[in-house]
């Protein structure tokens, strides 16, 4: 048994307030950005690359424990986590500088410090989300008998 649904004006359908064309363009842009982040080039669609794509040669212990058998998603998430941690360190330095600086009024200092604290909170949230995605990705194969080391 099959079911067919016909829509008289499929171009008029919106998903989350966006047209199908916009969603398709966003999807294509996301795929292009992911390919660019992974180091893929135009015309590389048929080749498969393995190894530490986009990761530094001086990998820390977490990345070296991951080994060569990790998925590309894990490698991308590890790279993103490392970037977010660096961003957090920079924001903490900015916060320390803002707290040590002198301002014309106490309100100006509160505004500057609060803005940086908001950025730090956003970065912490992104780190938590990335960590959760990384854990989920690393434990995908755990039901099939593979072992995942979850120690930091």
C-alpha atoms as a PDB file:
ATOM      1  CA  UNK A   1       0.000   0.000   0.000  1.00  0.00           C
ATOM      2  CA  UNK A   2       1.322   3.443  -0.855  1.00  0.00           C
ATOM      3  CA  UNK A   3       0.142   6.884   0.017  1.00  0.00           C
ATOM      4  CA  UNK A   4       0.601   9.970  -2.086  1.00  0.00           C
ATOM      5  CA  UNK A   5      -0.033  13.476  -0.931  1.00  0.00           C
ATOM      6  CA  UNK A   6      -0.403  16.227  -3.474  1.00  0.00           C
ATOM      7  CA  UNK A   7      -0.061  19.838  -2.484  1.00  0.00           C
ATOM      8  CA  UNK A   8      -1.559  22.406  -4.816  1.00  0.00           C
ATOM      9  CA  UNK A   9       1.097  25.051  -4.111  1.00  0.00           C
ATOM     10  CA  UNK A  10       4.182  23.332  -2.725  1.00  0.00           C
ATOM     11  CA  UNK A  11       6.270  26.473  -3.206  1.00  0.00           C
ATOM     12  CA  UNK A  12       4.049  28.232  -0.667  1.00  0.00           C
ATOM     13  CA  UNK A  13       4.878  25.817   2.169  1.00  0.00           C
ATOM     14  CA  UNK A  14       7.041  27.227   4.924  1.00  0.00           C
ATOM     15  CA  UNK A  15       8.998  25.416   7.609  1.00  0.00           C
ATOM     16  CA  UNK A  16       9.751  27.507  10.636  1.00  0.00           C
ATOM     17  CA  UNK A  17       8.760  30.584   8.664  1.00  0.00           C
ATOM     18  CA  UNK A  18      11.210  29.821   5.854  1.00  0.00           C
ATOM     19  CA  UNK A  19      10.360  28.728   2.330  1.00  0.00           C
ATOM     20  CA  UNK A  20      11.531  25.412   0.916  1.00  0.00           C
ATOM     21  CA  UNK A  21      13.978  27.252  -1.344  1.00  0.00           C
ATOM     22  CA  UNK A  22      15.510  29.097   1.614  1.00  0.00           C
ATOM     23  CA  UNK A  23      15.838  25.880   3.603  1.00  0.00           C
ATOM     24  CA  UNK A  24      17.446  24.140   0.640  1.00  0.00           C
ATOM     25  CA  UNK A  25      19.913  27.030   0.239  1.00  0.00           C
ATOM     26  CA  UNK A  26      20.712  26.979   3.965  1.00  0.00           C
ATOM     27  CA  UNK A  27      21.231  23.224   3.804  1.00  0.00           C
ATOM     28  CA  UNK A  28      23.556  23.589   0.831  1.00  0.00           C
ATOM     29  CA  UNK A  29      25.457  26.393   2.569  1.00  0.00           C
ATOM     30  CA  UNK A  30      25.820  24.239   5.697  1.00  0.00           C
ATOM     31  CA  UNK A  31      27.070  21.305   3.646  1.00  0.00           C
ATOM     32  CA  UNK A  32      29.566  23.573   1.890  1.00  0.00           C
ATOM     33  CA  UNK A  33      30.759  24.983   5.211  1.00  0.00           C
ATOM     34  CA  UNK A  34      31.148  21.471   6.642  1.00  0.00           C
ATOM     35  CA  UNK A  35      33.105  20.366   3.594  1.00  0.00           C
ATOM     36  CA  UNK A  36      35.305  23.431   3.870  1.00  0.00           C
ATOM     37  CA  UNK A  37      35.872  22.802   7.596  1.00  0.00           C
ATOM     38  CA  UNK A  38      36.914  19.256   6.785  1.00  0.00           C
ATOM     39  CA  UNK A  39      39.331  20.433   4.122  1.00  0.00           C
ATOM     40  CA  UNK A  40      37.389  19.038   1.174  1.00  0.00           C
ATOM     41  CA  UNK A  41      37.868  20.744  -2.187  1.00  0.00           C
ATOM     42  CA  UNK A  42      35.663  21.078  -5.262  1.00  0.00           C
ATOM     43  CA  UNK A  43      35.566  17.781  -7.099  1.00  0.00           C
ATOM     44  CA  UNK A  44      36.714  15.723  -4.096  1.00  0.00           C
ATOM     45  CA  UNK A  45      33.273  14.152  -3.760  1.00  0.00           C
ATOM     46  CA  UNK A  46      34.469  10.708  -4.847  1.00  0.00           C
ATOM     47  CA  UNK A  47      37.565  10.466  -2.665  1.00  0.00           C
ATOM     48  CA  UNK A  48      37.609   9.365   0.952  1.00  0.00           C
ATOM     49  CA  UNK A  49      40.229  10.807   3.248  1.00  0.00           C
ATOM     50  CA  UNK A  50      41.212   9.509   6.636  1.00  0.00           C
ATOM     51  CA  UNK A  51      43.479  10.870   9.304  1.00  0.00           C
ATOM     52  CA  UNK A  52      43.496  13.916  11.515  1.00  0.00           C
ATOM     53  CA  UNK A  53      41.558  16.274   9.262  1.00  0.00           C
ATOM     54  CA  UNK A  54      41.938  19.821  10.496  1.00  0.00           C
ATOM     55  CA  UNK A  55      43.539  18.876  13.797  1.00  0.00           C
ATOM     56  CA  UNK A  56      46.875  20.202  14.928  1.00  0.00           C
ATOM     57  CA  UNK A  57      49.874  17.891  14.826  1.00  0.00           C
ATOM     58  CA  UNK A  58      50.530  18.600  18.502  1.00  0.00           C
ATOM     59  CA  UNK A  59      47.405  16.808  19.660  1.00  0.00           C
ATOM     60  CA  UNK A  60      46.657  16.707  23.351  1.00  0.00           C
ATOM     61  CA  UNK A  61      45.990  13.464  25.208  1.00  0.00           C
ATOM     62  CA  UNK A  62      42.248  13.491  24.553  1.00  0.00           C
ATOM     63  CA  UNK A  63      42.790  13.689  20.804  1.00  0.00           C
ATOM     64  CA  UNK A  64      45.613  11.164  20.820  1.00  0.00           C
ATOM     65  CA  UNK A  65      43.419   8.711  22.740  1.00  0.00           C
ATOM     66  CA  UNK A  66      40.817   9.084  20.008  1.00  0.00           C
ATOM     67  CA  UNK A  67      43.160   7.383  17.535  1.00  0.00           C
ATOM     68  CA  UNK A  68      42.729   6.906  13.807  1.00  0.00           C
ATOM     69  CA  UNK A  69      39.484   4.945  14.070  1.00  0.00           C
ATOM     70  CA  UNK A  70      37.394   7.928  15.204  1.00  0.00           C
ATOM     71  CA  UNK A  71      34.661   9.255  13.005  1.00  0.00           C
ATOM     72  CA  UNK A  72      34.912  12.561  11.203  1.00  0.00           C
ATOM     73  CA  UNK A  73      32.123  13.912  13.398  1.00  0.00           C
ATOM     74  CA  UNK A  74      34.173  13.208  16.537  1.00  0.00           C
ATOM     75  CA  UNK A  75      37.197  14.919  15.019  1.00  0.00           C
ATOM     76  CA  UNK A  76      35.154  17.978  14.048  1.00  0.00           C
ATOM     77  CA  UNK A  77      33.581  18.131  17.517  1.00  0.00           C
ATOM     78  CA  UNK A  78      36.998  17.840  19.172  1.00  0.00           C
ATOM     79  CA  UNK A  79      38.289  20.668  16.998  1.00  0.00           C
ATOM     80  CA  UNK A  80      35.248  22.819  17.821  1.00  0.00           C
ATOM     81  CA  UNK A  81      35.648  22.083  21.533  1.00  0.00           C
ATOM     82  CA  UNK A  82      39.278  23.141  21.391  1.00  0.00           C
ATOM     83  CA  UNK A  83      38.314  26.387  19.610  1.00  0.00           C
ATOM     84  CA  UNK A  84      35.631  27.126  22.200  1.00  0.00           C
ATOM     85  CA  UNK A  85      38.047  26.508  25.063  1.00  0.00           C
ATOM     86  CA  UNK A  86      40.516  28.961  23.502  1.00  0.00           C
ATOM     87  CA  UNK A  87      37.721  31.491  23.040  1.00  0.00           C
ATOM     88  CA  UNK A  88      36.759  31.058  26.704  1.00  0.00           C
ATOM     89  CA  UNK A  89      40.351  31.690  27.823  1.00  0.00           C
ATOM     90  CA  UNK A  90      40.439  34.899  25.757  1.00  0.00           C
ATOM     91  CA  UNK A  91      37.124  36.063  27.196  1.00  0.00           C
ATOM     92  CA  UNK A  92      38.331  35.386  30.740  1.00  0.00           C
ATOM     93  CA  UNK A  93      41.383  37.553  30.033  1.00  0.00           C
ATOM     94  CA  UNK A  94      39.092  40.288  28.701  1.00  0.00           C
ATOM     95  CA  UNK A  95      36.999  40.022  31.866  1.00  0.00           C
ATOM     96  CA  UNK A  96      40.053  40.355  34.094  1.00  0.00           C
ATOM     97  CA  UNK A  97      41.187  43.393  32.104  1.00  0.00           C
ATOM     98  CA  UNK A  98      37.723  44.963  32.280  1.00  0.00           C
ATOM     99  CA  UNK A  99      37.562  44.424  36.032  1.00  0.00           C
ATOM    100  CA  UNK A 100      41.019  45.969  36.525  1.00  0.00           C
ATOM    101  CA  UNK A 101      40.387  48.965  34.248  1.00  0.00           C
ATOM    102  CA  UNK A 102      39.178  52.294  35.564  1.00  0.00           C
ATOM    103  CA  UNK A 103      35.920  53.704  34.230  1.00  0.00           C
ATOM    104  CA  UNK A 104      34.318  57.128  34.391  1.00  0.00           C
ATOM    105  CA  UNK A 105      31.326  55.809  36.344  1.00  0.00           C
ATOM    106  CA  UNK A 106      30.549  52.622  38.270  1.00  0.00           C
ATOM    107  CA  UNK A 107      27.676  51.987  35.848  1.00  0.00           C
ATOM    108  CA  UNK A 108      30.082  51.957  32.903  1.00  0.00           C
ATOM    109  CA  UNK A 109      32.206  49.340  34.643  1.00  0.00           C
ATOM    110  CA  UNK A 110      29.152  47.229  35.470  1.00  0.00           C
ATOM    111  CA  UNK A 111      27.988  47.440  31.852  1.00  0.00           C
ATOM    112  CA  UNK A 112      31.380  46.426  30.443  1.00  0.00           C
ATOM    113  CA  UNK A 113      31.888  43.574  32.910  1.00  0.00           C
ATOM    114  CA  UNK A 114      28.316  42.315  32.467  1.00  0.00           C
ATOM    115  CA  UNK A 115      28.684  42.240  28.691  1.00  0.00           C
ATOM    116  CA  UNK A 116      31.806  40.100  28.906  1.00  0.00           C
ATOM    117  CA  UNK A 117      30.180  37.850  31.506  1.00  0.00           C
ATOM    118  CA  UNK A 118      27.287  37.331  29.079  1.00  0.00           C
ATOM    119  CA  UNK A 119      29.741  36.318  26.337  1.00  0.00           C
ATOM    120  CA  UNK A 120      31.426  33.902  28.747  1.00  0.00           C
ATOM    121  CA  UNK A 121      28.043  32.389  29.626  1.00  0.00           C
ATOM    122  CA  UNK A 122      27.254  31.914  25.930  1.00  0.00           C
ATOM    123  CA  UNK A 123      30.633  30.275  25.334  1.00  0.00           C
ATOM    124  CA  UNK A 124      30.131  27.978  28.328  1.00  0.00           C
ATOM    125  CA  UNK A 125      26.755  26.957  26.913  1.00  0.00           C
ATOM    126  CA  UNK A 126      28.347  26.201  23.541  1.00  0.00           C
ATOM    127  CA  UNK A 127      31.044  24.131  25.277  1.00  0.00           C
ATOM    128  CA  UNK A 128      28.372  22.143  27.117  1.00  0.00           C
ATOM    129  CA  UNK A 129      26.410  21.512  23.921  1.00  0.00           C
ATOM    130  CA  UNK A 130      29.533  20.488  22.020  1.00  0.00           C
ATOM    131  CA  UNK A 131      30.604  18.206  24.865  1.00  0.00           C
ATOM    132  CA  UNK A 132      27.181  16.567  24.938  1.00  0.00           C
ATOM    133  CA  UNK A 133      27.281  16.044  21.169  1.00  0.00           C
ATOM    134  CA  UNK A 134      30.785  14.627  21.449  1.00  0.00           C
ATOM    135  CA  UNK A 135      29.755  12.178  24.158  1.00  0.00           C
ATOM    136  CA  UNK A 136      26.708  11.142  22.140  1.00  0.00           C
ATOM    137  CA  UNK A 137      28.848  10.637  19.021  1.00  0.00           C
ATOM    138  CA  UNK A 138      31.532   8.703  20.894  1.00  0.00           C
ATOM    139  CA  UNK A 139      29.030   6.371  22.531  1.00  0.00           C
ATOM    140  CA  UNK A 140      27.101   5.612  19.331  1.00  0.00           C
ATOM    141  CA  UNK A 141      28.991   2.359  18.803  1.00  0.00           C
ATOM    142  CA  UNK A 142      29.126   1.372  22.468  1.00  0.00           C
ATOM    143  CA  UNK A 143      26.130  -0.946  22.116  1.00  0.00           C
ATOM    144  CA  UNK A 144      28.035  -3.049  19.593  1.00  0.00           C
ATOM    145  CA  UNK A 145      30.811  -4.023  21.979  1.00  0.00           C
ATOM    146  CA  UNK A 146      33.261  -1.203  21.387  1.00  0.00           C
ATOM    147  CA  UNK A 147      34.826   0.436  24.413  1.00  0.00           C
ATOM    148  CA  UNK A 148      34.875   4.201  24.881  1.00  0.00           C
ATOM    149  CA  UNK A 149      37.163   5.831  27.408  1.00  0.00           C
ATOM    150  CA  UNK A 150      35.145   8.667  28.949  1.00  0.00           C
ATOM    151  CA  UNK A 151      37.797   9.937  31.347  1.00  0.00           C
ATOM    152  CA  UNK A 152      39.043  13.442  30.777  1.00  0.00           C
END
